Amino acid sequence: MNTLRTFSQSQSISTTTDERYQHISKVINKALKSGISPIDQSLFISGGTISPYELKLYIGSCVNIGFCQPKFFKRHVWLRSKKIMQVAVNIGVAIPKDFGLGKGKYTTNFTIEQIIDKVYNKLS
């Protein structure tokens, strides 16, 4: 039986979802600063590469959190989501709107799936 695994396979097996999201968040932050795609940027950062599927899941999670109320999430989760939502605002698919203290902070005329696709296309 062949039990050899690549580094990225063993890395993804041994990490929790939160640790993986921290890695993806770090990669996206560096990619936004350098102007290259997060998938390409992940090649230069230790912690394993990011697959397109994994990036889309992360963006979907952040967009869903971004349209929810921040009081339901821990601060670090909300701040991660806020960075992705800022990309959505910059490309015009989300509109910042403060509904009040602890309430939603964004609104849109698009569906969540359309926003996820547009942000993913912008980042990749």
PDB file of N, CA and C in Angstrom:
ATOM      1  N   MET A   1       0.841  -1.173   0.000  1.00  0.00           N
ATOM      2  CA  MET A   1       0.000   0.000   0.000  1.00  0.00           C
ATOM      3  C   MET A   1       0.893   1.245   0.000  1.00  0.00           C
ATOM      4  N   ASN A   2       0.569   2.194  -0.871  1.00  0.00           N
ATOM      5  CA  ASN A   2       1.351   3.415  -0.993  1.00  0.00           C
ATOM      6  C   ASN A   2       0.813   4.466  -0.024  1.00  0.00           C
ATOM      7  N   THR A   3       1.633   4.876   0.934  1.00  0.00           N
ATOM      8  CA  THR A   3       1.180   5.850   1.934  1.00  0.00           C
ATOM      9  C   THR A   3       1.897   7.183   1.810  1.00  0.00           C
ATOM     10  N   LEU A   4       2.582   7.417   0.689  1.00  0.00           N
ATOM     11  CA  LEU A   4       3.289   8.678   0.521  1.00  0.00           C
ATOM     12  C   LEU A   4       2.294   9.804   0.251  1.00  0.00           C
ATOM     13  N   ARG A   5       2.512  10.931   0.859  1.00  0.00           N
ATOM     14  CA  ARG A   5       1.675  12.113   0.654  1.00  0.00           C
ATOM     15  C   ARG A   5       2.575  13.301   0.366  1.00  0.00           C
ATOM     16  N   THR A   6       2.052  14.255  -0.357  1.00  0.00           N
ATOM     17  CA  THR A   6       2.805  15.489  -0.553  1.00  0.00           C
ATOM     18  C   THR A   6       2.704  16.325   0.708  1.00  0.00           C
ATOM     19  N   PHE A   7       3.534  17.343   0.793  1.00  0.00           N
ATOM     20  CA  PHE A   7       3.530  18.206   1.984  1.00  0.00           C
ATOM     21  C   PHE A   7       2.179  18.871   2.162  1.00  0.00           C
ATOM     22  N   SER A   8       1.590  19.367   1.069  1.00  0.00           N
ATOM     23  CA  SER A   8       0.322  20.092   1.206  1.00  0.00           C
ATOM     24  C   SER A   8      -0.808  19.159   1.627  1.00  0.00           C
ATOM     25  N   GLN A   9      -0.773  17.886   1.201  1.00  0.00           N
ATOM     26  CA  GLN A   9      -1.807  16.945   1.622  1.00  0.00           C
ATOM     27  C   GLN A   9      -1.695  16.664   3.115  1.00  0.00           C
ATOM     28  N   SER A  10      -0.478  16.421   3.595  1.00  0.00           N
ATOM     29  CA  SER A  10      -0.320  16.145   5.017  1.00  0.00           C
ATOM     30  C   SER A  10      -0.607  17.393   5.842  1.00  0.00           C
ATOM     31  N   GLN A  11      -0.310  18.565   5.289  1.00  0.00           N
ATOM     32  CA  GLN A  11      -0.589  19.814   5.992  1.00  0.00           C
ATOM     33  C   GLN A  11      -2.089  19.996   6.160  1.00  0.00           C
ATOM     34  N   SER A  12      -2.859  19.749   5.083  1.00  0.00           N
ATOM     35  CA  SER A  12      -4.295  19.978   5.169  1.00  0.00           C
ATOM     36  C   SER A  12      -4.980  18.944   6.057  1.00  0.00           C
ATOM     37  N   ILE A  13      -4.408  17.759   6.172  1.00  0.00           N
ATOM     38  CA  ILE A  13      -4.999  16.735   7.017  1.00  0.00           C
ATOM     39  C   ILE A  13      -4.799  17.081   8.494  1.00  0.00           C
ATOM     40  N   SER A  14      -3.662  17.684   8.812  1.00  0.00           N
ATOM     41  CA  SER A  14      -3.341  17.904  10.216  1.00  0.00           C
ATOM     42  C   SER A  14      -3.811  19.249  10.763  1.00  0.00           C
ATOM     43  N   THR A  15      -4.350  20.118   9.941  1.00  0.00           N
ATOM     44  CA  THR A  15      -4.760  21.427  10.436  1.00  0.00           C
ATOM     45  C   THR A  15      -6.266  21.497  10.604  1.00  0.00           C
ATOM     46  N   THR A  16      -6.693  22.342  11.510  1.00  0.00           N
ATOM     47  CA  THR A  16      -8.121  22.572  11.701  1.00  0.00           C
ATOM     48  C   THR A  16      -8.592  23.617  10.702  1.00  0.00           C
ATOM     49  N   THR A  17      -9.884  23.756  10.593  1.00  0.00           N
ATOM     50  CA  THR A  17     -10.458  24.721   9.667  1.00  0.00           C
ATOM     51  C   THR A  17     -10.033  26.136  10.014  1.00  0.00           C
ATOM     52  N   ASP A  18     -10.022  26.482  11.289  1.00  0.00           N
ATOM     53  CA  ASP A  18      -9.636  27.841  11.683  1.00  0.00           C
ATOM     54  C   ASP A  18      -8.182  28.127  11.338  1.00  0.00           C
ATOM     55  N   GLU A  19      -7.302  27.166  11.551  1.00  0.00           N
ATOM     56  CA  GLU A  19      -5.900  27.356  11.193  1.00  0.00           C
ATOM     57  C   GLU A  19      -5.749  27.524   9.687  1.00  0.00           C
ATOM     58  N   ARG A  20      -6.521  26.761   8.941  1.00  0.00           N
ATOM     59  CA  ARG A  20      -6.463  26.863   7.481  1.00  0.00           C
ATOM     60  C   ARG A  20      -6.985  28.221   7.029  1.00  0.00           C
ATOM     61  N   TYR A  21      -8.071  28.693   7.644  1.00  0.00           N
ATOM     62  CA  TYR A  21      -8.608  30.009   7.307  1.00  0.00           C
ATOM     63  C   TYR A  21      -7.611  31.109   7.663  1.00  0.00           C
ATOM     64  N   GLN A  22      -6.865  30.940   8.747  1.00  0.00           N
ATOM     65  CA  GLN A  22      -5.832  31.914   9.097  1.00  0.00           C
ATOM     66  C   GLN A  22      -4.769  31.961   8.010  1.00  0.00           C
ATOM     67  N   HIS A  23      -4.391  30.786   7.520  1.00  0.00           N
ATOM     68  CA  HIS A  23      -3.394  30.725   6.444  1.00  0.00           C
ATOM     69  C   HIS A  23      -3.930  31.395   5.179  1.00  0.00           C
ATOM     70  N   ILE A  24      -5.159  31.081   4.802  1.00  0.00           N
ATOM     71  CA  ILE A  24      -5.739  31.672   3.594  1.00  0.00           C
ATOM     72  C   ILE A  24      -5.864  33.182   3.753  1.00  0.00           C
ATOM     73  N   SER A  25      -6.247  33.637   4.930  1.00  0.00           N
ATOM     74  CA  SER A  25      -6.364  35.069   5.192  1.00  0.00           C
ATOM     75  C   SER A  25      -5.008  35.758   5.039  1.00  0.00           C
ATOM     76  N   LYS A  26      -3.970  35.134   5.555  1.00  0.00           N
ATOM     77  CA  LYS A  26      -2.619  35.694   5.430  1.00  0.00           C
ATOM     78  C   LYS A  26      -2.202  35.768   3.957  1.00  0.00           C
ATOM     79  N   VAL A  27      -2.506  34.729   3.203  1.00  0.00           N
ATOM     80  CA  VAL A  27      -2.160  34.701   1.786  1.00  0.00           C
ATOM     81  C   VAL A  27      -2.921  35.795   1.032  1.00  0.00           C
ATOM     82  N   ILE A  28      -4.215  35.951   1.317  1.00  0.00           N
ATOM     83  CA  ILE A  28      -5.016  36.965   0.627  1.00  0.00           C
ATOM     84  C   ILE A  28      -4.515  38.363   0.971  1.00  0.00           C
ATOM     85  N   ASN A  29      -4.172  38.615   2.229  1.00  0.00           N
ATOM     86  CA  ASN A  29      -3.639  39.928   2.610  1.00  0.00           C
ATOM     87  C   ASN A  29      -2.373  40.260   1.831  1.00  0.00           C
ATOM     88  N   LYS A  30      -1.458  39.307   1.737  1.00  0.00           N
ATOM     89  CA  LYS A  30      -0.213  39.544   0.995  1.00  0.00           C
ATOM     90  C   LYS A  30      -0.484  39.679  -0.494  1.00  0.00           C
ATOM     91  N   ALA A  31      -1.442  38.916  -1.003  1.00  0.00           N
ATOM     92  CA  ALA A  31      -1.771  38.994  -2.432  1.00  0.00           C
ATOM     93  C   ALA A  31      -2.385  40.341  -2.784  1.00  0.00           C
ATOM     94  N   LEU A  32      -3.247  40.863  -1.911  1.00  0.00           N
ATOM     95  CA  LEU A  32      -3.854  42.171  -2.170  1.00  0.00           C
ATOM     96  C   LEU A  32      -2.796  43.273  -2.165  1.00  0.00           C
ATOM     97  N   LYS A  33      -1.797  43.138  -1.309  1.00  0.00           N
ATOM     98  CA  LYS A  33      -0.728  44.141  -1.255  1.00  0.00           C
ATOM     99  C   LYS A  33       0.198  44.046  -2.462  1.00  0.00           C
ATOM    100  N   SER A  34       0.476  42.814  -2.920  1.00  0.00           N
ATOM    101  CA  SER A  34       1.435  42.634  -4.016  1.00  0.00           C
ATOM    102  C   SER A  34       0.792  42.669  -5.396  1.00  0.00           C
ATOM    103  N   GLY A  35      -0.524  42.481  -5.467  1.00  0.00           N
ATOM    104  CA  GLY A  35      -1.209  42.563  -6.752  1.00  0.00           C
ATOM    105  C   GLY A  35      -1.248  41.266  -7.548  1.00  0.00           C
ATOM    106  N   ILE A  36      -0.825  40.140  -6.954  1.00  0.00           N
ATOM    107  CA  ILE A  36      -0.941  38.873  -7.670  1.00  0.00           C
ATOM    108  C   ILE A  36      -2.052  38.042  -7.049  1.00  0.00           C
ATOM    109  N   SER A  37      -2.450  36.973  -7.737  1.00  0.00           N
ATOM    110  CA  SER A  37      -3.578  36.176  -7.251  1.00  0.00           C
ATOM    111  C   SER A  37      -3.188  35.410  -5.991  1.00  0.00           C
ATOM    112  N   PRO A  38      -4.166  35.169  -5.092  1.00  0.00           N
ATOM    113  CA  PRO A  38      -3.866  34.427  -3.855  1.00  0.00           C
ATOM    114  C   PRO A  38      -3.343  33.017  -4.118  1.00  0.00           C
ATOM    115  N   ILE A  39      -3.793  32.389  -5.189  1.00  0.00           N
ATOM    116  CA  ILE A  39      -3.329  31.029  -5.494  1.00  0.00           C
ATOM    117  C   ILE A  39      -1.852  31.054  -5.832  1.00  0.00           C
ATOM    118  N   ASP A  40      -1.420  32.060  -6.621  1.00  0.00           N
ATOM    119  CA  ASP A  40       0.006  32.199  -6.931  1.00  0.00           C
ATOM    120  C   ASP A  40       0.800  32.621  -5.696  1.00  0.00           C
ATOM    121  N   GLN A  41       0.237  33.510  -4.892  1.00  0.00           N
ATOM    122  CA  GLN A  41       0.912  33.979  -3.679  1.00  0.00           C
ATOM    123  C   GLN A  41       1.139  32.839  -2.698  1.00  0.00           C
ATOM    124  N   SER A  42       0.228  31.864  -2.651  1.00  0.00           N
ATOM    125  CA  SER A  42       0.357  30.758  -1.693  1.00  0.00           C
ATOM    126  C   SER A  42       1.571  29.886  -1.971  1.00  0.00           C
ATOM    127  N   LEU A  43       2.126  29.973  -3.179  1.00  0.00           N
ATOM    128  CA  LEU A  43       3.325  29.209  -3.499  1.00  0.00           C
ATOM    129  C   LEU A  43       4.539  29.729  -2.748  1.00  0.00           C
ATOM    130  N   PHE A  44       4.493  31.004  -2.332  1.00  0.00           N
ATOM    131  CA  PHE A  44       5.639  31.635  -1.696  1.00  0.00           C
ATOM    132  C   PHE A  44       5.539  31.690  -0.175  1.00  0.00           C
ATOM    133  N   ILE A  45       4.444  31.198   0.384  1.00  0.00           N
ATOM    134  CA  ILE A  45       4.236  31.265   1.832  1.00  0.00           C
ATOM    135  C   ILE A  45       4.155  29.842   2.378  1.00  0.00           C
ATOM    136  N   SER A  46       4.861  29.583   3.465  1.00  0.00           N
ATOM    137  CA  SER A  46       4.783  28.248   4.049  1.00  0.00           C
ATOM    138  C   SER A  46       3.391  28.002   4.605  1.00  0.00           C
ATOM    139  N   GLY A  47       2.972  26.767   4.594  1.00  0.00           N
ATOM    140  CA  GLY A  47       1.642  26.413   5.071  1.00  0.00           C
ATOM    141  C   GLY A  47       0.829  25.711   4.007  1.00  0.00           C
ATOM    142  N   GLY A  48       1.401  25.535   2.844  1.00  0.00           N
ATOM    143  CA  GLY A  48       0.709  24.814   1.787  1.00  0.00           C
ATOM    144  C   GLY A  48       0.048  25.737   0.776  1.00  0.00           C
ATOM    145  N   THR A  49      -0.158  25.205  -0.409  1.00  0.00           N
ATOM    146  CA  THR A  49      -0.805  25.978  -1.458  1.00  0.00           C
ATOM    147  C   THR A  49      -2.309  25.980  -1.261  1.00  0.00           C
ATOM    148  N   ILE A  50      -2.966  26.922  -1.894  1.00  0.00           N
ATOM    149  CA  ILE A  50      -4.413  27.052  -1.807  1.00  0.00           C
ATOM    150  C   ILE A  50      -5.011  26.606  -3.135  1.00  0.00           C
ATOM    151  N   SER A  51      -5.982  25.722  -3.078  1.00  0.00           N
ATOM    152  CA  SER A  51      -6.655  25.296  -4.303  1.00  0.00           C
ATOM    153  C   SER A  51      -7.743  26.315  -4.650  1.00  0.00           C
ATOM    154  N   PRO A  52      -8.137  26.395  -5.927  1.00  0.00           N
ATOM    155  CA  PRO A  52      -9.223  27.302  -6.295  1.00  0.00           C
ATOM    156  C   PRO A  52     -10.514  27.000  -5.538  1.00  0.00           C
ATOM    157  N   TYR A  53     -10.795  25.727  -5.304  1.00  0.00           N
ATOM    158  CA  TYR A  53     -11.995  25.332  -4.562  1.00  0.00           C
ATOM    159  C   TYR A  53     -11.945  25.859  -3.131  1.00  0.00           C
ATOM    160  N   GLU A  54     -10.779  25.730  -2.492  1.00  0.00           N
ATOM    161  CA  GLU A  54     -10.606  26.186  -1.120  1.00  0.00           C
ATOM    162  C   GLU A  54     -10.748  27.708  -1.028  1.00  0.00           C
ATOM    163  N   LEU A  55     -10.216  28.425  -2.020  1.00  0.00           N
ATOM    164  CA  LEU A  55     -10.333  29.880  -2.045  1.00  0.00           C
ATOM    165  C   LEU A  55     -11.791  30.299  -2.201  1.00  0.00           C
ATOM    166  N   LYS A  56     -12.523  29.600  -3.061  1.00  0.00           N
ATOM    167  CA  LYS A  56     -13.936  29.951  -3.263  1.00  0.00           C
ATOM    168  C   LYS A  56     -14.761  29.663  -2.011  1.00  0.00           C
ATOM    169  N   LEU A  57     -14.468  28.580  -1.318  1.00  0.00           N
ATOM    170  CA  LEU A  57     -15.153  28.294  -0.052  1.00  0.00           C
ATOM    171  C   LEU A  57     -14.881  29.379   0.981  1.00  0.00           C
ATOM    172  N   TYR A  58     -13.639  29.809   1.058  1.00  0.00           N
ATOM    173  CA  TYR A  58     -13.263  30.860   2.014  1.00  0.00           C
ATOM    174  C   TYR A  58     -13.985  32.168   1.681  1.00  0.00           C
ATOM    175  N   ILE A  59     -14.002  32.537   0.408  1.00  0.00           N
ATOM    176  CA  ILE A  59     -14.689  33.762  -0.006  1.00  0.00           C
ATOM    177  C   ILE A  59     -16.179  33.655   0.293  1.00  0.00           C
ATOM    178  N   GLY A  60     -16.774  32.505   0.017  1.00  0.00           N
ATOM    179  CA  GLY A  60     -18.193  32.304   0.308  1.00  0.00           C
ATOM    180  C   GLY A  60     -18.507  32.447   1.776  1.00  0.00           C
ATOM    181  N   SER A  61     -17.650  31.889   2.606  1.00  0.00           N
ATOM    182  CA  SER A  61     -17.841  32.000   4.052  1.00  0.00           C
ATOM    183  C   SER A  61     -17.753  33.455   4.499  1.00  0.00           C
ATOM    184  N   CYS A  62     -16.756  34.165   3.997  1.00  0.00           N
ATOM    185  CA  CYS A  62     -16.569  35.568   4.377  1.00  0.00           C
ATOM    186  C   CYS A  62     -17.711  36.453   3.891  1.00  0.00           C
ATOM    187  N   VAL A  63     -18.211  36.207   2.694  1.00  0.00           N
ATOM    188  CA  VAL A  63     -19.319  37.005   2.163  1.00  0.00           C
ATOM    189  C   VAL A  63     -20.581  36.755   2.985  1.00  0.00           C
ATOM    190  N   ASN A  64     -20.839  35.510   3.305  1.00  0.00           N
ATOM    191  CA  ASN A  64     -22.014  35.204   4.136  1.00  0.00           C
ATOM    192  C   ASN A  64     -21.920  35.862   5.507  1.00  0.00           C
ATOM    193  N   ILE A  65     -20.746  35.837   6.103  1.00  0.00           N
ATOM    194  CA  ILE A  65     -20.552  36.486   7.396  1.00  0.00           C
ATOM    195  C   ILE A  65     -20.694  37.996   7.248  1.00  0.00           C
ATOM    196  N   GLY A  66     -20.180  38.545   6.151  1.00  0.00           N
ATOM    197  CA  GLY A  66     -20.233  39.986   5.925  1.00  0.00           C
ATOM    198  C   GLY A  66     -21.643  40.540   5.850  1.00  0.00           C
ATOM    199  N   PHE A  67     -22.588  39.750   5.361  1.00  0.00           N
ATOM    200  CA  PHE A  67     -23.970  40.213   5.272  1.00  0.00           C
ATOM    201  C   PHE A  67     -24.775  39.889   6.527  1.00  0.00           C
ATOM    202  N   CYS A  68     -24.143  39.238   7.491  1.00  0.00           N
ATOM    203  CA  CYS A  68     -24.811  38.927   8.745  1.00  0.00           C
ATOM    204  C   CYS A  68     -24.472  40.019   9.771  1.00  0.00           C
ATOM    205  N   GLN A  69     -24.914  39.844  10.978  1.00  0.00           N
ATOM    206  CA  GLN A  69     -24.648  40.814  12.030  1.00  0.00           C
ATOM    207  C   GLN A  69     -23.329  40.480  12.727  1.00  0.00           C
ATOM    208  N   PRO A  70     -22.452  41.469  12.913  1.00  0.00           N
ATOM    209  CA  PRO A  70     -21.151  41.191  13.523  1.00  0.00           C
ATOM    210  C   PRO A  70     -21.233  40.698  14.959  1.00  0.00           C
ATOM    211  N   LYS A  71     -22.311  40.987  15.649  1.00  0.00           N
ATOM    212  CA  LYS A  71     -22.401  40.574  17.054  1.00  0.00           C
ATOM    213  C   LYS A  71     -22.461  39.057  17.216  1.00  0.00           C
ATOM    214  N   PHE A  72     -22.728  38.325  16.130  1.00  0.00           N
ATOM    215  CA  PHE A  72     -22.808  36.870  16.203  1.00  0.00           C
ATOM    216  C   PHE A  72     -21.458  36.181  15.995  1.00  0.00           C
ATOM    217  N   PHE A  73     -20.398  36.946  15.720  1.00  0.00           N
ATOM    218  CA  PHE A  73     -19.103  36.361  15.384  1.00  0.00           C
ATOM    219  C   PHE A  73     -18.004  36.934  16.275  1.00  0.00           C
ATOM    220  N   LYS A  74     -16.964  36.144  16.442  1.00  0.00           N
ATOM    221  CA  LYS A  74     -15.794  36.640  17.158  1.00  0.00           C
ATOM    222  C   LYS A  74     -15.140  37.731  16.317  1.00  0.00           C
ATOM    223  N   ARG A  75     -14.414  38.599  16.995  1.00  0.00           N
ATOM    224  CA  ARG A  75     -13.822  39.756  16.325  1.00  0.00           C
ATOM    225  C   ARG A  75     -12.901  39.364  15.172  1.00  0.00           C
ATOM    226  N   HIS A  76     -12.032  38.359  15.368  1.00  0.00           N
ATOM    227  CA  HIS A  76     -11.089  37.996  14.307  1.00  0.00           C
ATOM    228  C   HIS A  76     -11.809  37.435  13.085  1.00  0.00           C
ATOM    229  N   VAL A  77     -12.923  36.757  13.283  1.00  0.00           N
ATOM    230  CA  VAL A  77     -13.700  36.221  12.161  1.00  0.00           C
ATOM    231  C   VAL A  77     -14.344  37.380  11.393  1.00  0.00           C
ATOM    232  N   TRP A  78     -14.900  38.335  12.117  1.00  0.00           N
ATOM    233  CA  TRP A  78     -15.538  39.485  11.464  1.00  0.00           C
ATOM    234  C   TRP A  78     -14.502  40.310  10.692  1.00  0.00           C
ATOM    235  N   LEU A  79     -13.310  40.494  11.261  1.00  0.00           N
ATOM    236  CA  LEU A  79     -12.286  41.282  10.576  1.00  0.00           C
ATOM    237  C   LEU A  79     -11.794  40.599   9.302  1.00  0.00           C
ATOM    238  N   ARG A  80     -11.695  39.271   9.317  1.00  0.00           N
ATOM    239  CA  ARG A  80     -11.348  38.534   8.092  1.00  0.00           C
ATOM    240  C   ARG A  80     -12.393  38.759   7.026  1.00  0.00           C
ATOM    241  N   SER A  81     -13.646  38.672   7.429  1.00  0.00           N
ATOM    242  CA  SER A  81     -14.752  38.850   6.501  1.00  0.00           C
ATOM    243  C   SER A  81     -14.782  40.277   5.962  1.00  0.00           C
ATOM    244  N   LYS A  82     -14.452  41.227   6.805  1.00  0.00           N
ATOM    245  CA  LYS A  82     -14.485  42.635   6.417  1.00  0.00           C
ATOM    246  C   LYS A  82     -13.515  42.922   5.268  1.00  0.00           C
ATOM    247  N   LYS A  83     -12.369  42.247   5.249  1.00  0.00           N
ATOM    248  CA  LYS A  83     -11.393  42.440   4.166  1.00  0.00           C
ATOM    249  C   LYS A  83     -11.955  41.969   2.827  1.00  0.00           C
ATOM    250  N   ILE A  84     -12.638  40.828   2.839  1.00  0.00           N
ATOM    251  CA  ILE A  84     -13.250  40.325   1.607  1.00  0.00           C
ATOM    252  C   ILE A  84     -14.411  41.225   1.196  1.00  0.00           C
ATOM    253  N   MET A  85     -15.167  41.705   2.164  1.00  0.00           N
ATOM    254  CA  MET A  85     -16.284  42.597   1.852  1.00  0.00           C
ATOM    255  C   MET A  85     -15.785  43.923   1.285  1.00  0.00           C
ATOM    256  N   GLN A  86     -14.602  44.352   1.688  1.00  0.00           N
ATOM    257  CA  GLN A  86     -14.041  45.578   1.120  1.00  0.00           C
ATOM    258  C   GLN A  86     -13.728  45.381  -0.360  1.00  0.00           C
ATOM    259  N   VAL A  87     -13.282  44.189  -0.733  1.00  0.00           N
ATOM    260  CA  VAL A  87     -13.071  43.876  -2.152  1.00  0.00           C
ATOM    261  C   VAL A  87     -14.413  43.931  -2.889  1.00  0.00           C
ATOM    262  N   ALA A  88     -15.463  43.377  -2.265  1.00  0.00           N
ATOM    263  CA  ALA A  88     -16.799  43.403  -2.873  1.00  0.00           C
ATOM    264  C   ALA A  88     -17.294  44.841  -3.046  1.00  0.00           C
ATOM    265  N   VAL A  89     -17.030  45.695  -2.082  1.00  0.00           N
ATOM    266  CA  VAL A  89     -17.417  47.109  -2.187  1.00  0.00           C
ATOM    267  C   VAL A  89     -16.638  47.784  -3.312  1.00  0.00           C
ATOM    268  N   ASN A  90     -15.347  47.497  -3.408  1.00  0.00           N
ATOM    269  CA  ASN A  90     -14.503  48.113  -4.433  1.00  0.00           C
ATOM    270  C   ASN A  90     -14.931  47.754  -5.849  1.00  0.00           C
ATOM    271  N   ILE A  91     -15.448  46.544  -6.056  1.00  0.00           N
ATOM    272  CA  ILE A  91     -15.890  46.166  -7.403  1.00  0.00           C
ATOM    273  C   ILE A  91     -17.369  46.468  -7.629  1.00  0.00           C
ATOM    274  N   GLY A  92     -18.040  47.003  -6.633  1.00  0.00           N
ATOM    275  CA  GLY A  92     -19.398  47.493  -6.798  1.00  0.00           C
ATOM    276  C   GLY A  92     -20.519  46.495  -6.604  1.00  0.00           C
ATOM    277  N   VAL A  93     -20.249  45.358  -5.967  1.00  0.00           N
ATOM    278  CA  VAL A  93     -21.309  44.369  -5.756  1.00  0.00           C
ATOM    279  C   VAL A  93     -21.889  44.422  -4.349  1.00  0.00           C
ATOM    280  N   ALA A  94     -21.266  45.186  -3.466  1.00  0.00           N
ATOM    281  CA  ALA A  94     -21.790  45.384  -2.114  1.00  0.00           C
ATOM    282  C   ALA A  94     -21.741  46.874  -1.797  1.00  0.00           C
ATOM    283  N   ILE A  95     -22.676  47.306  -0.989  1.00  0.00           N
ATOM    284  CA  ILE A  95     -22.764  48.712  -0.612  1.00  0.00           C
ATOM    285  C   ILE A  95     -22.667  48.787   0.909  1.00  0.00           C
ATOM    286  N   PRO A  96     -21.706  49.577   1.422  1.00  0.00           N
ATOM    287  CA  PRO A  96     -21.633  49.702   2.878  1.00  0.00           C
ATOM    288  C   PRO A  96     -22.834  50.489   3.396  1.00  0.00           C
ATOM    289  N   LYS A  97     -23.514  49.918   4.362  1.00  0.00           N
ATOM    290  CA  LYS A  97     -24.669  50.582   4.972  1.00  0.00           C
ATOM    291  C   LYS A  97     -24.756  50.115   6.411  1.00  0.00           C
ATOM    292  N   ASP A  98     -24.684  51.048   7.322  1.00  0.00           N
ATOM    293  CA  ASP A  98     -24.719  50.720   8.745  1.00  0.00           C
ATOM    294  C   ASP A  98     -26.171  50.707   9.206  1.00  0.00           C
ATOM    295  N   PHE A  99     -26.657  49.532   9.571  1.00  0.00           N
ATOM    296  CA  PHE A  99     -28.031  49.394  10.046  1.00  0.00           C
ATOM    297  C   PHE A  99     -28.167  49.656  11.541  1.00  0.00           C
ATOM    298  N   GLY A 100     -27.081  50.028  12.189  1.00  0.00           N
ATOM    299  CA  GLY A 100     -27.118  50.309  13.621  1.00  0.00           C
ATOM    300  C   GLY A 100     -26.089  49.495  14.374  1.00  0.00           C
ATOM    301  N   LEU A 101     -25.922  49.795  15.637  1.00  0.00           N
ATOM    302  CA  LEU A 101     -24.938  49.126  16.478  1.00  0.00           C
ATOM    303  C   LEU A 101     -25.233  47.627  16.576  1.00  0.00           C
ATOM    304  N   GLY A 102     -24.265  46.815  16.159  1.00  0.00           N
ATOM    305  CA  GLY A 102     -24.427  45.364  16.224  1.00  0.00           C
ATOM    306  C   GLY A 102     -25.295  44.782  15.126  1.00  0.00           C
ATOM    307  N   LYS A 103     -25.716  45.604  14.190  1.00  0.00           N
ATOM    308  CA  LYS A 103     -26.573  45.141  13.085  1.00  0.00           C
ATOM    309  C   LYS A 103     -25.725  44.978  11.838  1.00  0.00           C
ATOM    310  N   GLY A 104     -26.361  44.612  10.730  1.00  0.00           N
ATOM    311  CA  GLY A 104     -25.656  44.407   9.468  1.00  0.00           C
ATOM    312  C   GLY A 104     -24.943  45.657   8.993  1.00  0.00           C
ATOM    313  N   LYS A 105     -23.884  45.471   8.233  1.00  0.00           N
ATOM    314  CA  LYS A 105     -23.071  46.600   7.780  1.00  0.00           C
ATOM    315  C   LYS A 105     -23.029  46.750   6.259  1.00  0.00           C
ATOM    316  N   TYR A 106     -23.623  45.809   5.511  1.00  0.00           N
ATOM    317  CA  TYR A 106     -23.578  45.864   4.055  1.00  0.00           C
ATOM    318  C   TYR A 106     -24.944  45.517   3.471  1.00  0.00           C
ATOM    319  N   THR A 107     -25.190  46.033   2.277  1.00  0.00           N
ATOM    320  CA  THR A 107     -26.390  45.690   1.530  1.00  0.00           C
ATOM    321  C   THR A 107     -25.990  45.481   0.072  1.00  0.00           C
ATOM    322  N   THR A 108     -26.881  44.906  -0.732  1.00  0.00           N
ATOM    323  CA  THR A 108     -26.557  44.635  -2.132  1.00  0.00           C
ATOM    324  C   THR A 108     -27.821  44.429  -2.943  1.00  0.00           C
ATOM    325  N   ASN A 109     -27.677  44.512  -4.246  1.00  0.00           N
ATOM    326  CA  ASN A 109     -28.762  44.197  -5.179  1.00  0.00           C
ATOM    327  C   ASN A 109     -28.496  42.874  -5.898  1.00  0.00           C
ATOM    328  N   PHE A 110     -27.397  42.208  -5.560  1.00  0.00           N
ATOM    329  CA  PHE A 110     -26.998  40.949  -6.185  1.00  0.00           C
ATOM    330  C   PHE A 110     -27.313  39.782  -5.254  1.00  0.00           C
ATOM    331  N   THR A 111     -27.317  38.566  -5.809  1.00  0.00           N
ATOM    332  CA  THR A 111     -27.448  37.377  -4.964  1.00  0.00           C
ATOM    333  C   THR A 111     -26.086  37.049  -4.359  1.00  0.00           C
ATOM    334  N   ILE A 112     -26.092  36.267  -3.317  1.00  0.00           N
ATOM    335  CA  ILE A 112     -24.836  35.876  -2.654  1.00  0.00           C
ATOM    336  C   ILE A 112     -23.934  35.124  -3.632  1.00  0.00           C
ATOM    337  N   GLU A 113     -24.508  34.242  -4.445  1.00  0.00           N
ATOM    338  CA  GLU A 113     -23.719  33.463  -5.410  1.00  0.00           C
ATOM    339  C   GLU A 113     -23.041  34.376  -6.422  1.00  0.00           C
ATOM    340  N   GLN A 114     -23.747  35.418  -6.891  1.00  0.00           N
ATOM    341  CA  GLN A 114     -23.153  36.362  -7.839  1.00  0.00           C
ATOM    342  C   GLN A 114     -21.995  37.120  -7.190  1.00  0.00           C
ATOM    343  N   ILE A 115     -22.174  37.502  -5.948  1.00  0.00           N
ATOM    344  CA  ILE A 115     -21.112  38.233  -5.246  1.00  0.00           C
ATOM    345  C   ILE A 115     -19.888  37.343  -5.067  1.00  0.00           C
ATOM    346  N   ILE A 116     -20.104  36.096  -4.657  1.00  0.00           N
ATOM    347  CA  ILE A 116     -18.988  35.162  -4.465  1.00  0.00           C
ATOM    348  C   ILE A 116     -18.232  34.984  -5.778  1.00  0.00           C
ATOM    349  N   ASP A 117     -18.955  34.786  -6.875  1.00  0.00           N
ATOM    350  CA  ASP A 117     -18.312  34.600  -8.181  1.00  0.00           C
ATOM    351  C   ASP A 117     -17.518  35.835  -8.600  1.00  0.00           C
ATOM    352  N   LYS A 118     -18.091  37.020  -8.408  1.00  0.00           N
ATOM    353  CA  LYS A 118     -17.408  38.252  -8.820  1.00  0.00           C
ATOM    354  C   LYS A 118     -16.168  38.521  -7.962  1.00  0.00           C
ATOM    355  N   VAL A 119     -16.246  38.287  -6.672  1.00  0.00           N
ATOM    356  CA  VAL A 119     -15.080  38.488  -5.799  1.00  0.00           C
ATOM    357  C   VAL A 119     -14.015  37.450  -6.113  1.00  0.00           C
ATOM    358  N   TYR A 120     -14.430  36.209  -6.337  1.00  0.00           N
ATOM    359  CA  TYR A 120     -13.471  35.153  -6.693  1.00  0.00           C
ATOM    360  C   TYR A 120     -12.744  35.506  -7.995  1.00  0.00           C
ATOM    361  N   ASN A 121     -13.505  35.963  -8.999  1.00  0.00           N
ATOM    362  CA  ASN A 121     -12.895  36.339 -10.279  1.00  0.00           C
ATOM    363  C   ASN A 121     -11.937  37.516 -10.106  1.00  0.00           C
ATOM    364  N   LYS A 122     -12.289  38.443  -9.230  1.00  0.00           N
ATOM    365  CA  LYS A 122     -11.411  39.587  -8.975  1.00  0.00           C
ATOM    366  C   LYS A 122     -10.110  39.156  -8.306  1.00  0.00           C
ATOM    367  N   LEU A 123     -10.212  38.240  -7.350  1.00  0.00           N
ATOM    368  CA  LEU A 123      -9.015  37.813  -6.619  1.00  0.00           C
ATOM    369  C   LEU A 123      -8.153  36.814  -7.376  1.00  0.00           C
ATOM    370  N   SER A 124      -8.747  36.027  -8.246  1.00  0.00           N
ATOM    371  CA  SER A 124      -7.945  34.993  -8.939  1.00  0.00           C
ATOM    372  C   SER A 124      -7.488  35.421 -10.301  1.00  0.00           C
TER     373      SER A 124
END
